[in-house]
């Protein structure tokens, strides 16, 4: 349940794009369940940069770059983005083209975007879609939109808020206005929210698990231009929640990528592993094998989340000599893992621990933390590791109660 909130707070901007609908159940897993709620905080997730200034008039004069729909499609298609990001971005731009075309009485294919076609808008829309994909949700909910009031200067003159294209995009979506002056929903923002969100309702009953904030580039005098994202679980029909204890094993599907290599400089393997892990690989390992003509080689194996597949394969083709890759999906079960800090006679040490059935069953002081501290105080690494383990045991029960939420 993602709750994107545009935190325009005071203005009742109710943009709380509380994208909170993410069902942590089966909808929460990789489900773009986002509930964008434009709530009374103007918490609107994607900022659209809404031009939220306190001024009466906003100008839609971003960059008067004139780009047609096909040109924008070409830019997106030629990127290395995932198929979902490409298609959702193009769908968003097509909605914009339909709205602009209706205002100018021309087909969407003949629309030449002024502000919308500028590079900044392409980045806004594509960047938003990338963010939605990374959230791993499918259901997004948005609160009613606070459109603001006053006038806005567009390429074709001065219009009342919301601008014509914005109003066209908001058809069927609940909106409202208060005494907040200025344009609070732009065409770009309206296109994004109308494409992504499944519902437009006030913040529903939900269990919030995480919240994130991001500030926009503008700095209005009377309210903060802040985006808030809430992520959690929607209540079920009987207003209850699924029991979701944190300390349980989790089943998930990942992608395994493999390649046999016998003609690459051995020095590259170490560098390659660092690159893959930096790009989000879950694990990388090498297995000695014998290949054609009894040549010794290496079986390269990479584990990755499904939505990171394109990124990992691009890195492999760029950095290795392989001409092909094998890949397949597999299931895995992982223990819930958490981190904490413990105090030892030598200083603070990071410790990670794993849990099963609400019990801590595996504890391991972090190597980097212990190594750094051992060098700093000039003692044996084993002493720091032992001290960290003892310190953890002294607070095991407290930590177990803190991390378990049944």
Protein backbone atom coordinates (compact mmCIF):
# COMPACT_ATOMS: atom_id res chain seq x y z
CA UNK A 1 0.00 0.00 0.00
CA UNK A 2 1.80 2.96 -1.17
CA UNK A 3 0.66 6.32 -0.12
CA UNK A 4 2.25 9.00 -2.09
CA UNK A 5 1.49 12.27 -0.52
CA UNK A 6 2.40 15.50 -2.00
CA UNK A 7 2.69 17.23 1.26
CA UNK A 8 1.69 20.53 0.10
CA UNK A 9 0.35 20.49 3.44
CA UNK A 10 -1.40 23.52 4.38
CA UNK A 11 -3.00 24.26 1.23
CA UNK A 12 -5.22 21.64 1.80
CA UNK A 13 -3.60 20.50 -1.17
CA UNK A 14 -4.99 17.31 -0.24
CA UNK A 15 -2.85 15.95 -2.89
CA UNK A 16 -1.76 13.36 -0.61
CA UNK A 17 -1.13 11.20 -3.45
CA UNK A 18 -1.37 8.68 -0.80
CA UNK A 19 -0.48 6.04 -3.06
CA UNK A 20 -1.32 3.71 -0.50
CA UNK A 21 -2.94 0.85 -1.92
CA UNK A 22 -0.33 -1.76 -2.14
CA UNK A 23 -1.63 -4.77 -0.69
CA UNK A 24 0.97 -6.38 1.25
CA UNK A 25 -0.82 -9.53 0.68
CA UNK A 26 -0.58 -10.82 -2.71
CA UNK A 27 -0.95 -7.34 -3.89
CA UNK A 28 1.88 -6.20 -1.93
CA UNK A 29 4.45 -8.38 -3.28
CA UNK A 30 5.46 -7.09 -6.50
CA UNK A 31 2.35 -5.29 -7.10
CA UNK A 32 2.37 -1.84 -8.27
CA UNK A 33 -0.31 -1.16 -5.78
CA UNK A 34 0.14 2.42 -5.33
CA UNK A 35 -2.25 4.65 -3.82
CA UNK A 36 -1.36 8.09 -4.73
CA UNK A 37 -3.53 10.08 -2.39
CA UNK A 38 -3.80 13.77 -2.97
CA UNK A 39 -4.84 14.30 0.59
CA UNK A 40 -5.21 17.37 2.59
CA UNK A 41 -1.57 17.65 2.85
CA UNK A 42 -1.10 18.24 -0.63
CA UNK A 43 0.96 15.34 -0.07
CA UNK A 44 1.10 14.47 -3.58
CA UNK A 45 3.45 12.11 -4.68
CA UNK A 46 5.11 13.01 -7.76
CA UNK A 47 5.35 16.60 -7.31
CA UNK A 48 4.84 17.24 -10.93
CA UNK A 49 6.61 20.25 -9.81
CA UNK A 50 3.20 21.57 -9.80
CA UNK A 51 4.55 25.03 -9.91
CA UNK A 52 3.20 25.43 -6.48
CA UNK A 53 4.06 29.00 -5.95
CA UNK A 54 1.96 31.31 -3.96
CA UNK A 55 1.76 33.54 -6.92
CA UNK A 56 -1.51 33.95 -8.66
CA UNK A 57 -0.24 33.09 -12.02
CA UNK A 58 1.97 30.26 -13.02
CA UNK A 59 3.56 30.00 -16.33
CA UNK A 60 3.62 26.80 -18.24
CA UNK A 61 6.71 28.03 -19.94
CA UNK A 62 9.13 25.26 -19.26
CA UNK A 63 10.98 24.94 -22.50
CA UNK A 64 9.26 25.53 -25.71
CA UNK A 65 10.76 22.47 -27.30
CA UNK A 66 8.30 21.19 -29.86
CA UNK A 67 8.32 17.43 -30.00
CA UNK A 68 5.78 15.19 -31.62
CA UNK A 69 4.46 12.02 -30.06
CA UNK A 70 6.49 9.75 -32.35
CA UNK A 71 9.71 11.58 -31.51
CA UNK A 72 9.05 11.09 -27.81
CA UNK A 73 8.22 7.42 -28.42
CA UNK A 74 11.53 7.05 -30.25
CA UNK A 75 13.48 8.53 -27.34
CA UNK A 76 11.80 6.12 -24.94
CA UNK A 77 12.07 3.06 -27.20
CA UNK A 78 15.78 3.61 -27.78
CA UNK A 79 16.48 3.57 -24.05
CA UNK A 80 17.57 0.54 -22.01
CA UNK A 81 14.57 0.83 -19.69
CA UNK A 82 12.36 -2.15 -18.88
CA UNK A 83 9.37 -2.93 -21.07
CA UNK A 84 6.95 -1.91 -18.32
CA UNK A 85 8.58 1.49 -17.86
CA UNK A 86 8.63 2.09 -21.62
CA UNK A 87 5.00 1.13 -22.14
CA UNK A 88 3.70 3.04 -19.11
CA UNK A 89 5.70 6.14 -20.06
CA UNK A 90 4.34 6.04 -23.62
CA UNK A 91 0.83 5.46 -22.33
CA UNK A 92 1.18 8.55 -20.13
CA UNK A 93 2.38 10.68 -23.03
CA UNK A 94 -0.43 9.36 -25.22
CA UNK A 95 -2.96 10.53 -22.63
CA UNK A 96 -1.33 13.95 -22.77
CA UNK A 97 -1.51 13.94 -26.56
CA UNK A 98 -5.20 13.05 -26.51
CA UNK A 99 -5.91 15.89 -24.07
CA UNK A 100 -3.86 18.45 -26.02
CA UNK A 101 -5.34 17.25 -29.30
CA UNK A 102 -8.88 17.65 -28.05
CA UNK A 103 -8.16 21.21 -26.94
CA UNK A 104 -6.66 22.06 -30.36
CA UNK A 105 -9.12 19.90 -32.33
CA UNK A 106 -6.43 17.72 -33.93
CA UNK A 107 -5.55 13.99 -33.70
CA UNK A 108 -3.08 13.06 -30.92
CA UNK A 109 -0.49 12.02 -33.54
CA UNK A 110 -0.37 15.61 -34.82
CA UNK A 111 0.17 17.19 -31.43
CA UNK A 112 3.46 18.99 -30.93
CA UNK A 113 4.10 19.41 -27.25
CA UNK A 114 5.30 22.72 -25.95
CA UNK A 115 6.12 22.34 -22.29
CA UNK A 116 5.17 18.69 -22.09
CA UNK A 117 7.52 17.67 -24.85
CA UNK A 118 10.53 19.28 -23.22
CA UNK A 119 13.28 17.10 -21.82
CA UNK A 120 12.36 17.90 -18.23
CA UNK A 121 8.85 16.51 -18.73
CA UNK A 122 10.20 13.36 -20.37
CA UNK A 123 12.47 12.89 -17.38
CA UNK A 124 9.59 13.55 -14.97
CA UNK A 125 7.31 10.97 -16.54
CA UNK A 126 9.92 8.29 -17.21
CA UNK A 127 11.51 8.87 -13.80
CA UNK A 128 8.14 8.48 -12.09
CA UNK A 129 7.51 5.21 -13.94
CA UNK A 130 10.93 3.88 -12.92
CA UNK A 131 10.12 4.73 -9.32
CA UNK A 132 6.75 2.96 -9.52
CA UNK A 133 8.43 -0.16 -10.88
CA UNK A 134 11.05 -0.16 -8.15
CA UNK A 135 8.32 -0.08 -5.52
CA UNK A 136 7.20 -3.49 -6.72
CA UNK A 137 3.49 -2.74 -6.52
CA UNK A 138 0.56 -2.72 -8.92
CA UNK A 139 -2.30 -1.03 -7.11
CA UNK A 140 -2.04 2.69 -6.48
CA UNK A 141 -4.67 4.82 -4.80
CA UNK A 142 -4.83 8.58 -4.91
CA UNK A 143 -6.88 10.97 -2.84
CA UNK A 144 -9.01 13.68 -4.52
CA UNK A 145 -6.87 16.33 -6.18
CA UNK A 146 -6.61 19.90 -5.00
CA UNK A 147 -6.29 21.87 -8.23
CA UNK A 148 -5.68 25.33 -6.74
CA UNK A 149 -7.20 28.52 -8.08
CA UNK A 150 -6.30 31.66 -10.00
CA UNK A 151 -4.87 31.88 -13.49
CA UNK A 152 -2.02 30.32 -15.43
CA UNK A 153 -0.17 31.65 -18.45
CA UNK A 154 0.03 29.00 -21.17
CA UNK A 155 1.55 29.10 -24.64
CA UNK A 156 -1.77 30.26 -26.08
CA UNK A 157 -2.77 32.79 -23.46
CA UNK A 158 -4.04 33.21 -19.93
CA UNK A 159 -6.40 30.56 -18.60
CA UNK A 160 -8.10 29.89 -15.29
CA UNK A 161 -6.74 27.05 -13.15
CA UNK A 162 -6.75 24.20 -13.93
CA UNK A 163 -5.27 24.65 -17.40
CA UNK A 164 -7.33 23.26 -20.33
CA UNK A 165 -5.20 20.15 -20.87
CA UNK A 166 -5.13 19.47 -17.13
CA UNK A 167 -8.90 19.72 -16.92
CA UNK A 168 -9.28 17.30 -19.81
CA UNK A 169 -7.01 14.77 -18.09
CA UNK A 170 -8.88 15.10 -14.80
CA UNK A 171 -12.27 14.16 -16.23
CA UNK A 172 -13.84 11.55 -13.98
CA UNK A 173 -11.36 12.21 -11.18
CA UNK A 174 -12.61 13.92 -7.98
CA UNK A 175 -11.10 17.38 -7.53
CA UNK A 176 -11.64 20.40 -5.30
CA UNK A 177 -10.32 23.90 -4.71
CA UNK A 178 -9.75 26.08 -1.65
CA UNK A 179 -8.29 29.53 -1.14
CA UNK A 180 -4.80 28.43 -2.10
CA UNK A 181 -3.66 30.52 -5.04
CA UNK A 182 -1.78 28.98 -7.90
CA UNK A 183 -1.69 25.90 -10.09
CA UNK A 184 -1.45 22.79 -7.95
CA UNK A 185 -1.94 20.17 -10.68
CA UNK A 186 -0.10 20.48 -14.00
CA UNK A 187 -0.80 18.55 -17.21
CA UNK A 188 2.25 16.36 -16.57
CA UNK A 189 1.13 15.56 -13.05
CA UNK A 190 -2.44 14.92 -14.11
CA UNK A 191 -1.26 12.56 -16.86
CA UNK A 192 0.89 10.57 -14.46
CA UNK A 193 -1.71 10.18 -11.75
CA UNK A 194 -4.56 9.41 -14.15
CA UNK A 195 -2.46 6.74 -15.86
CA UNK A 196 -1.06 5.03 -12.77
CA UNK A 197 -3.76 5.25 -10.10
CA UNK A 198 -6.63 2.79 -9.90
CA UNK A 199 -8.77 4.69 -7.40
CA UNK A 200 -9.21 8.25 -6.15
CA UNK A 201 -10.50 8.08 -2.58
CA UNK A 202 -9.59 9.55 0.81
CA UNK A 203 -6.89 7.77 2.76
CA UNK A 204 -8.34 4.30 3.43
CA UNK A 205 -7.86 2.22 6.54
CA UNK A 206 -4.38 0.78 6.33
CA UNK A 207 -1.36 -0.26 8.31
CA UNK A 208 1.56 2.00 7.37
CA UNK A 209 4.90 0.23 7.25
CA UNK A 210 7.16 2.84 5.73
CA UNK A 211 7.04 6.51 4.83
CA UNK A 212 9.31 8.50 2.54
CA UNK A 213 9.65 12.20 1.79
CA UNK A 214 11.08 14.22 -1.06
CA UNK A 215 11.24 17.99 -1.52
CA UNK A 216 10.42 19.74 -4.80
CA UNK A 217 12.53 22.39 -6.45
CA UNK A 218 10.17 25.26 -5.69
CA UNK A 219 9.98 26.86 -2.27
CA UNK A 220 6.54 28.40 -1.70
CA UNK A 221 6.26 30.90 1.10
CA UNK A 222 3.22 29.52 2.88
CA UNK A 223 3.61 25.76 2.71
CA UNK A 224 6.26 23.06 2.22
CA UNK A 225 6.55 21.59 -1.26
CA UNK A 226 7.15 18.05 -0.04
CA UNK A 227 6.22 14.69 -1.46
CA UNK A 228 5.27 11.91 0.95
CA UNK A 229 5.04 8.25 0.11
CA UNK A 230 3.31 5.81 2.44
CA UNK A 231 3.77 2.10 2.00
CA UNK A 232 1.74 -0.45 3.87
CA UNK A 233 -1.13 -2.91 3.95
CA UNK A 234 -4.77 -2.18 3.22
CA UNK A 235 -7.38 -3.43 5.65
CA UNK A 236 -9.45 -6.39 4.52
CA UNK A 237 -13.20 -6.27 3.99
CA UNK A 238 -13.88 -6.84 7.69
CA UNK A 239 -11.52 -3.96 8.57
CA UNK A 240 -8.92 -6.36 9.91
CA UNK A 241 -5.36 -6.96 8.75
CA UNK A 242 -3.57 -10.10 7.77
CA UNK A 243 -1.22 -11.18 10.54
CA UNK A 244 2.15 -10.20 9.15
CA UNK A 245 4.82 -11.03 11.69
CA UNK A 246 8.19 -9.69 10.65
CA UNK A 247 10.24 -12.59 11.92
CA UNK A 248 9.13 -15.31 9.51
CA UNK A 249 10.64 -16.94 6.44
CA UNK A 250 9.71 -15.40 3.10
CA UNK A 251 9.13 -17.16 -0.20
CA UNK A 252 10.05 -15.28 -3.37
CA UNK A 253 10.87 -15.83 -7.03
CA UNK A 254 14.22 -14.69 -8.38
CA UNK A 255 16.10 -15.01 -11.67
CA UNK A 256 19.29 -17.07 -12.08
CA UNK A 257 21.64 -16.01 -14.89
CA UNK A 258 24.55 -18.22 -16.01
CA UNK A 259 27.41 -18.14 -18.49
CA UNK A 260 30.36 -20.45 -19.23
CA UNK A 261 33.58 -18.49 -19.77
CA UNK A 262 37.02 -19.82 -20.75
CA UNK A 263 38.60 -16.94 -22.66
CA UNK A 264 38.56 -13.96 -20.29
CA UNK A 265 41.41 -12.31 -18.40
CA UNK A 266 41.17 -13.65 -14.80
CA UNK A 267 41.75 -10.16 -13.43
CA UNK A 268 38.34 -9.11 -14.72
CA UNK A 269 36.40 -11.56 -12.56
CA UNK A 270 37.00 -9.64 -9.33
CA UNK A 271 36.05 -6.36 -10.98
CA UNK A 272 32.98 -7.96 -12.55
CA UNK A 273 31.68 -9.22 -9.20
CA UNK A 274 31.98 -5.74 -7.70
CA UNK A 275 30.13 -4.22 -10.65
CA UNK A 276 27.31 -6.76 -10.51
CA UNK A 277 26.79 -6.36 -6.77
CA UNK A 278 26.85 -2.59 -7.16
CA UNK A 279 24.14 -2.91 -9.83
CA UNK A 280 21.85 -4.80 -7.46
CA UNK A 281 22.73 -8.48 -7.91
CA UNK A 282 21.63 -10.56 -4.93
CA UNK A 283 24.65 -12.84 -5.21
CA UNK A 284 27.50 -13.63 -7.62
CA UNK A 285 29.68 -16.73 -7.56
CA UNK A 286 32.12 -18.63 -9.77
CA UNK A 287 32.41 -22.40 -10.17
CA UNK A 288 35.42 -24.12 -11.82
CA UNK A 289 34.35 -26.25 -14.81
CA UNK A 290 35.90 -28.04 -17.79
CA UNK A 291 34.67 -27.02 -21.21
CA UNK A 292 35.26 -28.05 -24.83
CA UNK A 293 38.64 -29.59 -25.61
CA UNK A 294 39.15 -30.09 -21.87
CA UNK A 295 39.74 -26.39 -21.33
CA UNK A 296 39.39 -25.14 -17.74
CA UNK A 297 36.73 -22.49 -17.48
CA UNK A 298 34.43 -20.70 -15.08
CA UNK A 299 30.68 -21.05 -14.61
CA UNK A 300 29.48 -17.55 -13.75
CA UNK A 301 26.22 -17.48 -11.77
CA UNK A 302 24.27 -14.36 -10.83
CA UNK A 303 21.14 -14.22 -8.69
CA UNK A 304 18.95 -11.18 -9.19
CA UNK A 305 15.46 -9.88 -8.57
CA UNK A 306 13.23 -10.17 -11.61
CA UNK A 307 12.84 -6.42 -12.12
CA UNK A 308 16.64 -6.02 -12.28
CA UNK A 309 17.16 -8.58 -15.03
CA UNK A 310 17.81 -6.12 -17.88
CA UNK A 311 20.33 -4.15 -15.86
CA UNK A 312 22.32 -7.25 -14.89
CA UNK A 313 22.37 -8.79 -18.37
CA UNK A 314 23.52 -5.51 -19.91
CA UNK A 315 26.42 -5.41 -17.44
CA UNK A 316 27.38 -9.02 -18.22
CA UNK A 317 27.45 -8.45 -21.98
CA UNK A 318 29.45 -5.25 -21.53
CA UNK A 319 32.07 -6.57 -19.11
CA UNK A 320 32.62 -10.21 -20.16
CA UNK A 321 33.56 -12.14 -23.29
CA UNK A 322 30.40 -14.25 -23.31
CA UNK A 323 28.19 -14.16 -26.38
CA UNK A 324 25.16 -15.67 -24.68
CA UNK A 325 23.49 -16.15 -21.33
CA UNK A 326 21.20 -18.76 -19.81
CA UNK A 327 18.54 -17.65 -17.39
CA UNK A 328 15.62 -19.12 -15.54
CA UNK A 329 13.35 -18.31 -12.64
CA UNK A 330 13.59 -20.20 -9.37
CA UNK A 331 11.98 -20.02 -5.96
CA UNK A 332 13.82 -19.43 -2.73
CA UNK A 333 12.97 -19.11 0.94
CA UNK A 334 14.83 -16.55 3.04
CA UNK A 335 14.81 -15.80 6.73
CA UNK A 336 13.78 -12.37 7.92
CA UNK A 337 16.99 -10.41 8.46
CA UNK A 338 17.58 -7.34 10.56
CA UNK A 339 20.47 -5.20 11.78
CA UNK A 340 21.21 -3.47 15.05
CA UNK A 341 24.14 -1.95 16.94
CA UNK A 342 25.60 -3.25 20.19
CA UNK A 343 27.96 -1.58 22.62
CA UNK A 344 31.21 -3.37 23.48
CA UNK A 345 34.25 -2.40 25.52
CA UNK A 346 35.91 -1.45 22.23
CA UNK A 347 33.04 0.61 20.82
CA UNK A 348 29.84 0.22 18.76
CA UNK A 349 29.55 -2.79 16.44
CA UNK A 350 26.95 -3.53 13.77
CA UNK A 351 25.31 -6.93 14.12
CA UNK A 352 22.91 -8.68 11.77
CA UNK A 353 20.53 -11.42 12.88
CA UNK A 354 18.00 -13.73 11.26
CA UNK A 355 14.72 -15.03 12.62
CA UNK A 356 12.38 -17.94 12.08
CA UNK A 357 8.94 -18.40 13.61
CA UNK A 358 9.41 -15.28 15.70
CA UNK A 359 12.68 -16.47 17.23
CA UNK A 360 16.20 -15.18 16.63
CA UNK A 361 18.18 -18.17 15.37
CA UNK A 362 21.26 -16.70 13.69
CA UNK A 363 23.52 -13.87 14.85
CA UNK A 364 26.57 -12.53 13.03
CA UNK A 365 28.65 -9.42 13.85
CA UNK A 366 29.25 -7.48 10.64
CA UNK A 367 32.76 -8.12 9.35
CA UNK A 368 33.41 -4.59 8.06
CA UNK A 369 32.26 -3.03 11.33
CA UNK A 370 34.40 -5.39 13.44
CA UNK A 371 37.42 -5.04 11.17
CA UNK A 372 37.30 -1.24 11.22
CA UNK A 373 36.95 -1.13 15.01
CA UNK A 374 39.74 -3.70 15.58
CA UNK A 375 42.16 -1.62 13.53
CA UNK A 376 41.06 1.57 15.22
CA UNK A 377 41.71 0.31 18.78
CA UNK A 378 44.53 -2.04 17.72
CA UNK A 379 43.13 -5.32 19.05
CA UNK A 380 42.58 -8.73 17.45
CA UNK A 381 39.60 -8.99 15.14
CA UNK A 382 38.42 -12.15 16.94
CA UNK A 383 38.20 -10.24 20.23
CA UNK A 384 35.89 -7.62 18.74
CA UNK A 385 33.70 -10.29 17.13
CA UNK A 386 33.41 -12.21 20.40
CA UNK A 387 32.61 -9.06 22.38
CA UNK A 388 29.89 -8.16 19.87
CA UNK A 389 28.30 -11.62 20.12
CA UNK A 390 28.26 -11.46 23.94
CA UNK A 391 26.77 -7.95 23.89
CA UNK A 392 24.03 -9.12 21.53
CA UNK A 393 23.12 -12.06 23.77
CA UNK A 394 22.62 -9.67 26.67
CA UNK A 395 19.82 -7.92 24.77
CA UNK A 396 18.45 -10.82 22.72
CA UNK A 397 15.06 -10.92 24.42
CA UNK A 398 14.55 -7.17 24.14
CA UNK A 399 15.39 -7.20 20.45
CA UNK A 400 13.13 -10.14 19.76
CA UNK A 401 10.17 -8.36 21.31
CA UNK A 402 11.00 -5.15 19.48
CA UNK A 403 11.19 -6.73 16.03
CA UNK A 404 8.23 -9.07 16.28
CA UNK A 405 4.89 -7.59 15.37
CA UNK A 406 2.14 -10.14 15.29
